[in-house]
N, C-alpha and C. Protein backbone atom coordinates (compact mmCIF):
# COMPACT_ATOMS: atom_id res chain seq x y z
N MET A 1 69.57 16.31 14.73
CA MET A 1 68.83 17.55 15.50
C MET A 1 69.20 16.91 16.81
N PHE A 2 69.94 18.93 17.07
CA PHE A 2 70.93 18.53 18.71
C PHE A 2 69.61 19.34 19.55
N PHE A 3 69.99 18.88 20.83
CA PHE A 3 69.84 19.24 21.94
C PHE A 3 69.61 20.99 22.52
N GLU A 4 68.55 21.59 21.92
CA GLU A 4 68.39 23.04 22.10
C GLU A 4 67.91 23.43 23.35
N TYR A 5 69.19 24.19 23.45
CA TYR A 5 68.99 25.14 24.82
C TYR A 5 69.87 26.55 24.30
N GLY A 6 69.79 27.46 24.80
CA GLY A 6 70.41 29.37 24.41
C GLY A 6 71.00 29.60 25.49
N GLU A 7 70.81 31.21 24.87
CA GLU A 7 71.32 31.97 26.24
C GLU A 7 70.71 32.28 27.41
N LYS A 8 69.26 31.64 27.30
CA LYS A 8 68.70 31.82 28.31
C LYS A 8 69.06 30.75 29.47
N GLU A 9 69.45 29.64 29.22
CA GLU A 9 69.91 28.51 29.79
C GLU A 9 71.04 28.74 30.38
N THR A 10 71.75 29.21 29.38
CA THR A 10 73.56 29.61 29.83
C THR A 10 73.40 30.36 30.89
N GLU A 11 72.93 31.32 31.04
CA GLU A 11 73.07 32.47 31.65
C GLU A 11 72.43 32.67 33.48
N TYR A 12 71.58 31.42 33.09
CA TYR A 12 70.67 31.48 34.24
C TYR A 12 71.74 30.65 35.21
N LEU A 13 72.47 29.15 34.77
CA LEU A 13 73.50 28.67 35.39
C LEU A 13 74.55 29.55 35.55
N LYS A 14 75.16 30.24 34.83
CA LYS A 14 75.83 31.46 35.04
C LYS A 14 76.17 32.12 35.88
N SER A 15 74.91 32.44 36.38
CA SER A 15 74.15 33.60 37.71
C SER A 15 74.71 32.80 38.78
N LYS A 16 74.22 31.24 38.38
CA LYS A 16 73.61 29.91 39.74
C LYS A 16 75.14 30.13 40.36
N ASP A 17 75.77 29.85 39.40
CA ASP A 17 77.21 28.82 39.68
C ASP A 17 78.55 29.49 38.81
N LYS A 18 79.41 30.05 39.53
CA LYS A 18 80.40 30.63 39.18
C LYS A 18 81.38 30.07 38.22
N LYS A 19 82.00 28.39 39.29
CA LYS A 19 82.84 27.70 38.53
C LYS A 19 82.15 26.94 37.54
N LEU A 20 80.72 26.81 37.31
CA LEU A 20 80.49 26.63 36.18
C LEU A 20 79.98 27.60 34.85
N ALA A 21 80.03 28.55 35.50
CA ALA A 21 79.83 29.66 34.48
C ALA A 21 82.03 29.66 34.05
N GLU A 22 82.37 29.37 34.77
CA GLU A 22 83.80 29.60 33.85
C GLU A 22 83.90 28.22 32.50
N VAL A 23 83.37 27.42 32.88
CA VAL A 23 83.47 26.34 31.89
C VAL A 23 82.58 26.70 31.03
N ILE A 24 81.19 26.81 31.03
CA ILE A 24 80.62 27.86 30.06
C ILE A 24 81.11 28.27 28.88
N ASP A 25 81.74 29.82 29.80
CA ASP A 25 82.65 30.38 28.47
C ASP A 25 83.85 29.45 27.99
N LYS A 26 84.52 28.95 29.07
CA LYS A 26 85.78 28.05 28.07
C LYS A 26 85.09 27.00 26.97
N ILE A 27 84.14 26.19 27.44
CA ILE A 27 83.55 25.67 26.07
C ILE A 27 82.89 25.98 24.89
N GLY A 28 81.71 26.81 25.25
CA GLY A 28 80.89 26.92 24.15
C GLY A 28 79.49 26.84 23.57
N HIS A 29 79.20 26.89 23.06
CA HIS A 29 78.34 25.77 22.99
C HIS A 29 77.96 24.57 22.61
N ILE A 30 77.73 23.62 23.14
CA ILE A 30 77.78 22.37 23.10
C ILE A 30 76.69 21.62 22.12
N GLU A 31 76.47 20.84 21.04
CA GLU A 31 75.94 20.21 20.20
C GLU A 31 76.00 18.37 20.76
N ARG A 32 74.85 18.40 21.25
CA ARG A 32 74.64 17.38 21.27
C ARG A 32 73.38 16.37 20.46
N GLN A 33 73.48 15.05 19.76
CA GLN A 33 72.50 14.43 18.76
C GLN A 33 71.48 14.52 20.02
N THR A 34 69.75 13.93 19.29
CA THR A 34 69.08 14.29 20.13
C THR A 34 68.49 13.15 18.98
N ASP A 35 67.07 12.30 19.54
CA ASP A 35 66.46 11.38 18.68
C ASP A 35 64.87 11.76 18.98
N ASP A 36 64.20 12.18 18.31
CA ASP A 36 63.12 12.06 18.53
C ASP A 36 61.83 11.48 18.97
N ASN A 37 62.08 9.79 18.16
CA ASN A 37 61.34 8.85 18.48
C ASN A 37 61.62 7.89 19.60
N LEU A 38 60.88 8.66 20.54
CA LEU A 38 60.76 7.97 21.50
C LEU A 38 60.72 5.89 21.26
N PHE A 39 59.99 5.35 20.32
CA PHE A 39 60.30 4.01 20.57
C PHE A 39 61.80 3.91 20.55
N SER A 40 61.93 3.64 18.69
CA SER A 40 63.50 3.69 18.43
C SER A 40 64.46 3.94 19.64
N SER A 41 64.03 5.08 20.32
CA SER A 41 65.72 5.61 21.44
C SER A 41 65.40 4.60 22.97
N VAL A 42 64.21 3.67 22.91
CA VAL A 42 64.23 2.91 23.68
C VAL A 42 65.24 1.46 23.40
N ILE A 43 65.27 1.09 22.12
CA ILE A 43 65.99 0.76 21.31
C ILE A 43 67.62 0.23 21.29
N HIS A 44 67.03 1.88 20.84
CA HIS A 44 68.97 2.01 20.98
C HIS A 44 69.68 2.31 22.00
N CYS A 45 69.15 2.61 23.25
CA CYS A 45 69.47 2.65 24.47
C CYS A 45 70.15 1.09 24.84
N ILE A 46 68.97 0.44 24.39
CA ILE A 46 68.90 -1.15 25.24
C ILE A 46 70.56 -1.84 24.76
N ILE A 47 70.53 -1.50 23.28
CA ILE A 47 71.20 -1.70 22.44
C ILE A 47 73.09 -1.35 22.71
N GLY A 48 72.55 -0.06 23.49
CA GLY A 48 74.25 0.55 23.84
C GLY A 48 74.73 0.47 25.17
N GLN A 49 74.04 -0.45 26.56
CA GLN A 49 74.77 -0.52 27.17
C GLN A 49 76.33 -1.75 27.39
N GLN A 50 77.03 -1.13 28.25
CA GLN A 50 78.35 -2.12 28.12
C GLN A 50 78.63 -2.54 27.41
N ILE A 51 79.07 -1.18 25.68
CA ILE A 51 79.54 -1.42 24.54
C ILE A 51 80.31 -0.54 24.25
N SER A 52 80.54 -0.37 23.51
CA SER A 52 81.26 0.38 22.85
C SER A 52 80.39 1.51 22.09
N THR A 53 80.49 2.46 21.64
CA THR A 53 79.43 3.40 20.68
C THR A 53 80.06 2.74 19.40
N LYS A 54 81.18 2.75 19.11
CA LYS A 54 81.04 1.83 17.63
C LYS A 54 80.24 0.68 17.46
N ALA A 55 80.16 0.02 18.71
CA ALA A 55 79.64 -1.40 18.59
C ALA A 55 78.32 -1.03 18.16
N GLN A 56 77.48 -0.01 19.41
CA GLN A 56 76.35 0.41 18.90
C GLN A 56 75.86 0.59 17.31
N VAL A 57 76.59 1.68 17.35
CA VAL A 57 76.42 2.39 16.25
C VAL A 57 76.34 1.11 14.77
N THR A 58 77.01 -0.10 15.08
CA THR A 58 77.28 -0.53 14.29
C THR A 58 75.55 -1.52 13.93
N ILE A 59 75.76 -2.63 15.14
CA ILE A 59 74.43 -2.70 15.63
C ILE A 59 73.14 -1.66 15.20
N TRP A 60 73.00 -0.70 15.17
CA TRP A 60 71.88 -0.23 15.00
C TRP A 60 71.99 0.07 13.45
N GLN A 61 72.63 0.44 13.11
CA GLN A 61 73.09 0.36 11.33
C GLN A 61 72.50 -1.66 10.95
N ARG A 62 72.53 -2.18 11.36
CA ARG A 62 72.22 -3.10 10.82
C ARG A 62 70.87 -3.00 11.14
N MET A 63 70.55 -3.05 12.41
CA MET A 63 69.06 -3.13 13.00
C MET A 63 67.94 -2.61 11.34
N GLN A 64 68.57 -0.98 11.10
CA GLN A 64 67.90 -0.19 10.21
C GLN A 64 67.87 -0.94 8.77
N ASP A 65 69.28 -1.72 8.52
CA ASP A 65 69.37 -1.92 7.34
C ASP A 65 67.80 -3.24 6.84
N ALA A 66 67.83 -4.11 8.30
CA ALA A 66 67.01 -4.88 8.21
C ALA A 66 65.44 -4.88 8.48
N TYR A 67 65.00 -3.61 9.24
CA TYR A 67 63.61 -3.55 9.29
C TYR A 67 63.20 -1.84 8.82
N GLY A 68 64.41 -1.27 8.07
CA GLY A 68 64.10 0.00 7.81
C GLY A 68 63.17 0.93 9.13
N GLU A 69 62.42 1.63 8.65
CA GLU A 69 62.48 2.36 10.12
C GLU A 69 62.16 1.65 11.32
N VAL A 70 62.94 1.78 12.51
CA VAL A 70 62.70 0.47 13.53
C VAL A 70 61.54 1.09 14.28
N SER A 71 60.17 0.45 14.08
CA SER A 71 58.95 0.89 14.97
C SER A 71 58.33 0.00 15.57
N PRO A 72 57.44 -0.30 16.03
CA PRO A 72 56.93 -1.42 16.95
C PRO A 72 56.80 -2.91 15.69
N GLU A 73 56.32 -2.65 14.38
CA GLU A 73 55.60 -3.74 13.55
C GLU A 73 56.43 -4.67 13.18
N PRO A 74 57.73 -4.09 12.91
CA PRO A 74 58.54 -5.15 12.51
C PRO A 74 59.33 -5.56 13.06
N VAL A 75 59.79 -5.09 14.22
CA VAL A 75 60.80 -5.21 15.24
C VAL A 75 59.81 -6.38 15.53
N ASN A 76 58.51 -6.14 16.58
CA ASN A 76 57.49 -7.29 17.01
C ASN A 76 57.86 -8.41 16.16
N SER A 77 57.47 -8.52 15.00
CA SER A 77 57.79 -9.77 14.26
C SER A 77 59.13 -10.50 13.54
N ALA A 78 59.64 -9.65 14.47
CA ALA A 78 61.28 -10.82 14.50
C ALA A 78 61.30 -11.45 15.49
N SER A 79 62.03 -12.90 15.88
CA SER A 79 62.11 -13.81 16.57
C SER A 79 63.39 -13.29 17.31
N THR A 80 63.56 -13.69 17.96
CA THR A 80 64.60 -12.93 19.55
C THR A 80 65.42 -13.45 18.39
N GLU A 81 65.61 -14.38 18.07
CA GLU A 81 67.20 -15.24 16.89
C GLU A 81 67.47 -14.05 16.34
N GLU A 82 66.47 -13.87 15.41
CA GLU A 82 66.49 -12.90 14.29
C GLU A 82 67.42 -11.54 14.88
N LEU A 83 67.43 -10.87 15.88
CA LEU A 83 67.09 -10.25 16.33
C LEU A 83 68.38 -9.93 17.14
N GLN A 84 68.64 -10.98 17.56
CA GLN A 84 70.81 -11.56 18.00
C GLN A 84 71.36 -11.77 17.67
N SER A 85 70.87 -12.33 16.13
CA SER A 85 72.04 -11.98 14.51
C SER A 85 72.50 -10.69 13.96
N LEU A 86 72.13 -9.90 14.73
CA LEU A 86 72.84 -7.86 14.16
C LEU A 86 73.28 -7.74 15.58
N GLY A 87 74.08 -9.05 16.24
CA GLY A 87 75.27 -8.85 16.70
C GLY A 87 75.15 -7.89 18.47
N MET A 88 73.90 -8.34 18.81
CA MET A 88 73.62 -7.94 20.65
C MET A 88 73.57 -9.13 21.26
N THR A 89 73.77 -9.20 22.51
CA THR A 89 73.29 -10.54 23.13
C THR A 89 71.75 -11.10 23.07
N PHE A 90 71.70 -12.33 23.24
CA PHE A 90 70.35 -12.84 23.36
C PHE A 90 69.59 -11.84 24.48
N ARG A 91 69.71 -11.88 25.92
CA ARG A 91 69.38 -10.89 26.69
C ARG A 91 69.06 -9.89 25.91
N LYS A 92 69.59 -9.11 25.43
CA LYS A 92 69.24 -7.70 24.46
C LYS A 92 67.77 -7.50 23.98
N ALA A 93 68.50 -9.05 22.95
CA ALA A 93 67.28 -9.57 21.29
C ALA A 93 65.46 -9.86 22.85
N GLU A 94 66.04 -10.58 23.81
CA GLU A 94 64.78 -10.55 24.85
C GLU A 94 64.22 -9.08 25.21
N TYR A 95 64.80 -7.90 25.65
CA TYR A 95 64.83 -6.99 26.30
C TYR A 95 63.57 -6.58 24.97
N ILE A 96 64.26 -6.32 23.14
CA ILE A 96 63.36 -5.59 22.78
C ILE A 96 62.57 -6.00 22.50
N LYS A 97 63.03 -7.40 22.11
CA LYS A 97 61.93 -8.22 21.80
C LYS A 97 60.34 -7.57 22.46
N ASP A 98 60.33 -8.15 23.32
CA ASP A 98 59.38 -7.81 24.92
C ASP A 98 58.70 -5.96 24.76
N PHE A 99 59.64 -5.67 24.63
CA PHE A 99 59.43 -3.67 24.21
C PHE A 99 58.49 -3.77 23.53
N ALA A 100 59.08 -4.23 22.35
CA ALA A 100 58.12 -4.49 21.12
C ALA A 100 57.03 -4.63 20.90
N GLU A 101 56.85 -5.86 21.69
CA GLU A 101 55.60 -6.67 22.17
C GLU A 101 54.28 -5.53 22.71
N LYS A 102 54.97 -5.30 23.71
CA LYS A 102 54.01 -4.45 24.30
C LYS A 102 53.61 -3.31 23.78
N VAL A 103 54.37 -2.44 23.34
CA VAL A 103 53.91 -1.10 22.73
C VAL A 103 52.98 -1.89 21.30
N TYR A 104 53.55 -2.86 20.79
CA TYR A 104 52.99 -3.60 19.55
C TYR A 104 51.23 -3.57 19.77
N LYS A 105 50.95 -4.74 20.77
CA LYS A 105 49.58 -4.69 21.46
C LYS A 105 49.28 -3.97 22.70
N GLY A 106 49.78 -2.81 22.46
CA GLY A 106 48.86 -1.79 23.29
C GLY A 106 49.38 -1.77 24.65
N VAL A 107 49.70 -2.95 25.92
CA VAL A 107 49.55 -3.44 26.58
C VAL A 107 51.10 -2.08 27.15
N PHE A 108 52.34 -1.59 26.71
CA PHE A 108 52.40 -0.21 27.23
C PHE A 108 52.32 1.13 26.49
N ASP A 109 52.16 1.96 26.97
CA ASP A 109 51.35 3.06 25.78
C ASP A 109 52.56 3.86 25.84
N ILE A 110 53.46 4.14 25.03
CA ILE A 110 54.22 5.01 24.68
C ILE A 110 53.97 6.45 24.62
N ASP A 111 53.27 7.02 24.03
CA ASP A 111 52.70 7.81 23.70
C ASP A 111 52.48 9.31 24.93
N ALA A 112 51.41 7.84 25.87
CA ALA A 112 51.24 8.73 26.77
C ALA A 112 52.68 8.99 28.18
N VAL A 113 53.97 8.37 27.74
CA VAL A 113 55.25 8.69 28.03
C VAL A 113 55.47 9.79 27.97
N ALA A 114 55.33 10.15 27.15
CA ALA A 114 56.00 11.61 26.27
C ALA A 114 55.54 12.88 26.99
N GLU A 115 54.11 12.66 27.28
CA GLU A 115 53.01 13.41 28.56
C GLU A 115 53.43 13.38 29.58
N MET A 116 53.83 12.79 30.19
CA MET A 116 54.40 12.55 31.71
C MET A 116 55.22 13.31 32.22
N PRO A 117 55.29 13.83 33.67
CA PRO A 117 56.35 14.96 34.33
C PRO A 117 57.48 13.55 34.05
N ASP A 118 58.19 14.29 34.38
CA ASP A 118 60.13 13.71 34.27
C ASP A 118 59.99 12.19 35.07
N GLN A 119 58.96 12.24 36.38
CA GLN A 119 59.46 11.06 37.70
C GLN A 119 58.50 10.10 37.17
N GLU A 120 57.50 10.44 36.83
CA GLU A 120 56.42 9.44 36.31
C GLU A 120 56.68 8.78 35.15
N ALA A 121 57.39 9.21 33.79
CA ALA A 121 58.32 8.63 33.16
C ALA A 121 59.43 8.08 33.12
N ILE A 122 60.19 8.61 34.39
CA ILE A 122 61.29 7.35 34.58
C ILE A 122 60.78 6.13 35.27
N THR A 123 60.17 6.53 35.83
CA THR A 123 58.95 4.51 36.62
C THR A 123 58.72 4.30 35.63
N ALA A 124 57.71 4.68 34.45
CA ALA A 124 57.72 3.76 33.63
C ALA A 124 58.02 3.29 32.30
N LEU A 125 58.93 3.96 32.46
CA LEU A 125 60.69 3.64 31.48
C LEU A 125 60.68 2.52 31.78
N SER A 126 61.52 2.52 33.64
CA SER A 126 62.58 1.94 33.75
C SER A 126 61.80 0.64 34.58
N GLY A 127 60.17 0.64 34.50
CA GLY A 127 59.95 -0.48 34.40
C GLY A 127 59.50 -1.67 33.34
N LEU A 128 60.08 -1.58 32.12
CA LEU A 128 60.93 -2.07 31.12
C LEU A 128 61.47 -3.18 31.72
N LYS A 129 61.57 -3.81 30.42
CA LYS A 129 62.91 -4.98 30.74
C LYS A 129 64.06 -5.00 30.28
N GLY A 130 65.05 -4.19 31.02
CA GLY A 130 66.58 -4.08 30.10
C GLY A 130 66.82 -2.49 30.44
N VAL A 131 65.74 -1.62 30.95
CA VAL A 131 65.62 -0.24 31.03
C VAL A 131 65.72 -0.03 32.44
N GLY A 132 66.97 0.46 33.18
CA GLY A 132 66.70 1.24 34.67
C GLY A 132 66.58 2.35 34.40
N VAL A 133 66.90 2.92 35.92
CA VAL A 133 66.88 4.11 36.10
C VAL A 133 67.73 5.50 35.00
N TRP A 134 69.13 4.93 34.93
CA TRP A 134 69.96 5.99 34.25
C TRP A 134 69.58 5.93 33.07
N THR A 135 69.18 4.46 31.80
CA THR A 135 68.93 4.65 30.45
C THR A 135 67.37 5.24 30.44
N ALA A 136 66.33 5.00 31.56
CA ALA A 136 65.42 5.91 31.29
C ALA A 136 65.62 8.05 31.23
N GLU A 137 66.54 7.92 32.16
CA GLU A 137 66.96 9.08 32.31
C GLU A 137 67.59 10.03 30.83
N MET A 138 68.58 8.86 30.74
CA MET A 138 68.95 9.40 28.99
C MET A 138 67.76 9.58 28.08
N ILE A 139 66.62 8.85 27.92
CA ILE A 139 65.74 8.90 27.25
C ILE A 139 65.25 10.36 27.50
N LEU A 140 64.39 10.97 28.62
CA LEU A 140 64.27 11.96 28.80
C LEU A 140 65.07 12.85 28.40
N LEU A 141 66.38 12.94 28.55
CA LEU A 141 67.17 14.21 27.69
C LEU A 141 67.53 14.05 26.04
N PHE A 142 68.22 13.00 26.00
CA PHE A 142 68.26 12.75 24.49
C PHE A 142 66.91 12.62 23.48
N CYS A 143 66.21 12.03 24.10
CA CYS A 143 64.75 12.17 23.30
C CYS A 143 63.95 12.87 23.26
N LEU A 144 62.89 13.04 24.69
CA LEU A 144 62.42 14.08 25.20
C LEU A 144 62.77 15.02 25.41
N GLU A 145 63.49 15.43 25.31
CA GLU A 145 64.61 16.87 25.82
C GLU A 145 63.94 17.30 26.76
N ARG A 146 63.77 16.97 27.79
CA ARG A 146 63.41 17.13 28.66
C ARG A 146 64.30 18.16 29.88
N PRO A 147 64.25 19.18 30.23
CA PRO A 147 64.92 20.50 30.33
C PRO A 147 66.07 20.42 32.13
N ASP A 148 65.17 19.43 32.62
CA ASP A 148 66.15 19.57 34.39
C ASP A 148 66.35 17.74 34.64
N ILE A 149 67.49 17.09 33.71
CA ILE A 149 68.08 16.31 34.25
C ILE A 149 69.44 16.12 34.31
N LEU A 150 69.54 15.26 35.50
CA LEU A 150 70.93 15.10 35.45
C LEU A 150 71.04 13.94 36.37
N SER A 151 71.56 13.24 36.53
CA SER A 151 71.90 11.88 36.56
C SER A 151 72.70 11.51 37.91
N TYR A 152 72.58 11.01 38.93
CA TYR A 152 73.64 10.91 39.51
C TYR A 152 73.81 9.55 39.18
N SER A 153 73.23 8.43 38.66
CA SER A 153 74.18 7.50 38.11
C SER A 153 74.68 7.28 37.43
N ASP A 154 75.34 8.41 36.34
CA ASP A 154 76.22 8.38 35.56
C ASP A 154 77.47 8.97 36.32
N LEU A 155 78.41 7.71 35.72
CA LEU A 155 79.43 8.02 36.24
C LEU A 155 80.42 9.05 35.86
N ALA A 156 80.30 9.49 34.76
CA ALA A 156 81.06 10.97 33.90
C ALA A 156 80.25 12.19 34.46
N ILE A 157 79.00 12.36 34.68
CA ILE A 157 78.37 13.18 35.76
C ILE A 157 79.57 13.43 36.75
N GLN A 158 79.18 12.69 37.28
CA GLN A 158 80.21 12.62 38.90
C GLN A 158 81.64 13.11 38.87
N ARG A 159 82.52 12.60 37.27
CA ARG A 159 84.00 12.86 37.52
C ARG A 159 83.74 14.53 37.15
N GLY A 160 82.80 14.81 36.24
CA GLY A 160 82.81 16.26 35.56
C GLY A 160 82.49 16.94 36.52
N MET A 161 81.66 16.81 38.26
CA MET A 161 81.26 17.10 38.81
C MET A 161 82.81 17.66 39.86
N ARG A 162 83.53 16.17 39.92
CA ARG A 162 84.50 16.39 40.65
C ARG A 162 85.17 17.25 40.37
N MET A 163 85.75 17.28 38.83
CA MET A 163 86.10 18.68 38.41
C MET A 163 86.20 19.78 38.22
N VAL A 164 84.99 20.21 38.70
CA VAL A 164 84.48 21.33 37.82
C VAL A 164 84.52 21.92 39.97
N TYR A 165 83.94 21.44 40.93
CA TYR A 165 84.21 21.84 42.07
C TYR A 165 84.81 21.24 43.24
N HIS A 166 85.85 20.62 42.49
CA HIS A 166 87.45 20.31 43.24
C HIS A 166 86.70 18.95 44.89
N HIS A 167 85.77 18.54 44.32
CA HIS A 167 85.38 17.92 45.50
C HIS A 167 86.16 15.75 45.02
N ARG A 168 86.67 15.59 46.34
CA ARG A 168 87.09 13.97 46.08
C ARG A 168 86.09 13.03 45.78
N LYS A 169 84.75 13.37 46.01
CA LYS A 169 83.74 12.55 46.34
C LYS A 169 81.88 13.15 45.90
N ILE A 170 82.06 12.62 45.45
CA ILE A 170 80.32 13.66 45.10
C ILE A 170 79.18 12.84 45.90
N ASP A 171 79.02 12.84 47.09
CA ASP A 171 78.02 11.33 47.79
C ASP A 171 76.50 12.05 47.44
N LYS A 172 74.81 11.74 47.52
CA LYS A 172 73.77 11.74 47.30
C LYS A 172 73.36 13.00 47.85
N LYS A 173 74.09 12.81 49.02
CA LYS A 173 73.81 14.55 49.54
C LYS A 173 74.49 16.18 49.05
N LEU A 174 75.26 16.24 48.15
CA LEU A 174 75.89 17.19 47.47
C LEU A 174 75.96 17.28 46.30
N PHE A 175 75.28 15.99 45.75
CA PHE A 175 74.57 16.30 44.41
C PHE A 175 73.75 16.43 44.54
N GLU A 176 72.79 16.25 45.31
CA GLU A 176 71.12 17.35 45.28
C GLU A 176 71.51 19.11 45.82
N LYS A 177 72.37 18.67 46.36
CA LYS A 177 72.98 20.22 46.77
C LYS A 177 73.11 20.94 45.10
N TYR A 178 73.92 20.24 44.47
CA TYR A 178 74.50 20.88 43.31
C TYR A 178 72.79 21.00 41.77
N ARG A 179 72.10 20.07 42.17
CA ARG A 179 71.29 19.47 41.58
C ARG A 179 69.98 20.29 41.45
N ARG A 180 69.90 21.52 43.02
CA ARG A 180 68.52 22.15 43.51
C ARG A 180 69.05 23.59 43.09
N ARG A 181 70.97 23.33 43.10
CA ARG A 181 71.20 24.66 42.72
C ARG A 181 71.22 25.28 41.06
N LEU A 182 70.91 24.07 40.30
CA LEU A 182 71.26 24.44 38.83
C LEU A 182 69.68 23.98 38.07
N SER A 183 69.23 23.25 39.26
CA SER A 183 67.83 23.39 38.26
C SER A 183 66.65 24.56 38.69
N PRO A 184 65.50 24.82 37.00
CA PRO A 184 65.07 24.19 36.15
C PRO A 184 66.11 24.07 35.15
N TYR A 185 67.34 24.03 34.99
CA TYR A 185 68.73 23.95 33.58
C TYR A 185 69.49 22.79 33.84
N CYS A 186 69.11 21.27 34.47
CA CYS A 186 69.60 20.77 35.08
C CYS A 186 70.59 19.53 33.73
N SER A 187 69.76 19.86 32.64
CA SER A 187 70.47 19.29 31.28
C SER A 187 71.17 19.37 30.89
N VAL A 188 71.03 21.16 30.15
CA VAL A 188 72.51 22.02 29.83
C VAL A 188 73.75 21.48 30.62
N ALA A 189 73.15 21.88 32.40
CA ALA A 189 74.68 21.80 33.06
C ALA A 189 75.42 20.10 32.94
N SER A 190 74.26 19.07 32.71
CA SER A 190 75.29 17.84 32.34
C SER A 190 75.59 18.03 31.01
N LEU A 191 75.16 18.78 29.99
CA LEU A 191 76.08 18.76 27.93
C LEU A 191 77.57 19.21 29.01
N TYR A 192 77.85 20.33 29.91
CA TYR A 192 78.80 20.98 29.98
C TYR A 192 79.57 19.57 31.21
N PHE A 193 79.02 19.08 32.09
CA PHE A 193 79.73 18.38 33.06
C PHE A 193 80.41 17.00 32.30
N TRP A 194 79.39 16.23 31.22
CA TRP A 194 80.13 15.58 30.27
C TRP A 194 81.11 15.62 29.61
N ALA A 195 81.27 17.06 28.57
CA ALA A 195 82.06 17.63 28.26
C ALA A 195 83.45 18.00 28.87
N VAL A 196 83.38 18.38 30.02
CA VAL A 196 84.33 18.61 31.20
C VAL A 196 85.30 17.07 31.58
N ALA A 197 84.26 15.58 31.69
CA ALA A 197 85.21 14.52 32.27
C ALA A 197 85.48 13.99 30.68
N GLY A 198 85.50 14.49 29.80
CA GLY A 198 86.06 13.97 28.65
C GLY A 198 87.29 14.42 27.71
N GLY A 199 87.13 15.72 28.96
CA GLY A 199 88.93 16.41 28.40
C GLY A 199 88.50 18.00 27.80
N ALA A 200 87.23 18.33 27.96
CA ALA A 200 86.87 19.47 27.13
C ALA A 200 87.88 20.66 27.18
N VAL A 201 88.10 21.10 28.44
CA VAL A 201 88.56 21.69 29.05
C VAL A 201 90.38 22.00 29.76
N PRO A 202 91.51 21.75 28.98
CA PRO A 202 92.43 21.42 29.33
C PRO A 202 92.93 21.97 30.73
N GLY A 203 94.05 21.08 31.44
CA GLY A 203 94.18 21.70 32.45
C GLY A 203 93.28 20.72 33.77
N MET A 204 92.19 20.46 33.43
CA MET A 204 91.55 20.24 34.99
C MET A 204 90.95 18.58 34.60
N LYS A 205 91.37 18.49 36.34
CA LYS A 205 91.95 17.48 36.40
C LYS A 205 91.05 17.01 37.58
N ASP A 206 90.59 15.24 37.80
CA ASP A 206 90.09 15.03 38.47
C ASP A 206 90.31 14.33 40.11
N TYR A 207 89.85 15.24 40.84
CA TYR A 207 90.04 14.76 41.91
C TYR A 207 89.84 14.02 42.88
N ALA A 208 89.12 12.95 42.40
CA ALA A 208 89.15 11.62 43.05
C ALA A 208 90.22 11.08 43.58
N PRO A 209 90.05 10.23 45.00
CA PRO A 209 91.51 9.67 45.18
C PRO A 209 92.51 8.66 44.50
N ALA A 210 93.04 8.63 44.27
CA ALA A 210 93.90 7.18 43.87
C ALA A 210 93.51 6.32 43.99
N LYS A 211 93.44 5.27 43.20
CA LYS A 211 93.39 3.57 43.38
C LYS A 211 94.51 3.01 43.97
N THR A 212 94.82 2.30 45.09
CA THR A 212 96.18 1.91 45.84
C THR A 212 95.88 0.63 45.30
N GLY A 213 96.88 -0.08 45.12
CA GLY A 213 96.48 -2.08 45.04
C GLY A 213 97.07 -2.57 45.95
N LYS A 214 96.79 -3.32 46.49
CA LYS A 214 97.22 -4.32 47.99
C LYS A 214 98.39 -5.05 47.18
């Protein structure tokens, strides 16, 4: 499954932002995979923190091989050591075990999160061990497919914005200006900022000042 959007969203963004309009026209439609299982998405995100995509894929596959569907009961039944043996750090295994136990015992109502407004859902998810605000925002975007997510703490988003708007730095005030302009379709804008940051438009450069060593 891919994040769903179409002409309604892109035409709105293009009408609000000429520079982003040029980027959208050059790149075309972007397909980004989503996962509609909120429980497995949280675990997938915890596994992927500070490791390569390849390593995340490997560990995730091992987890699926070990437990089948990644759901609360089998993960809760696993020991922390068993989870760690799949290739993750002991701390991540602890986070995943704690999360699975809370969901299994009903301490954390994961179904309720799906019904919450964005900020409430981010607050609830980031209250879990091992889940920060950025991780919660990514879950809202790529699992719940919320339409208005633009993450200030995402370095690639900031890089993409610098490249599109020719800024040396994106501070919070400037970020909020663009966020307000692109709302209520910030999630689609995020897809394009990530694409730009990854080199999807040849010739676009990052305007951040070069780092100089002493």
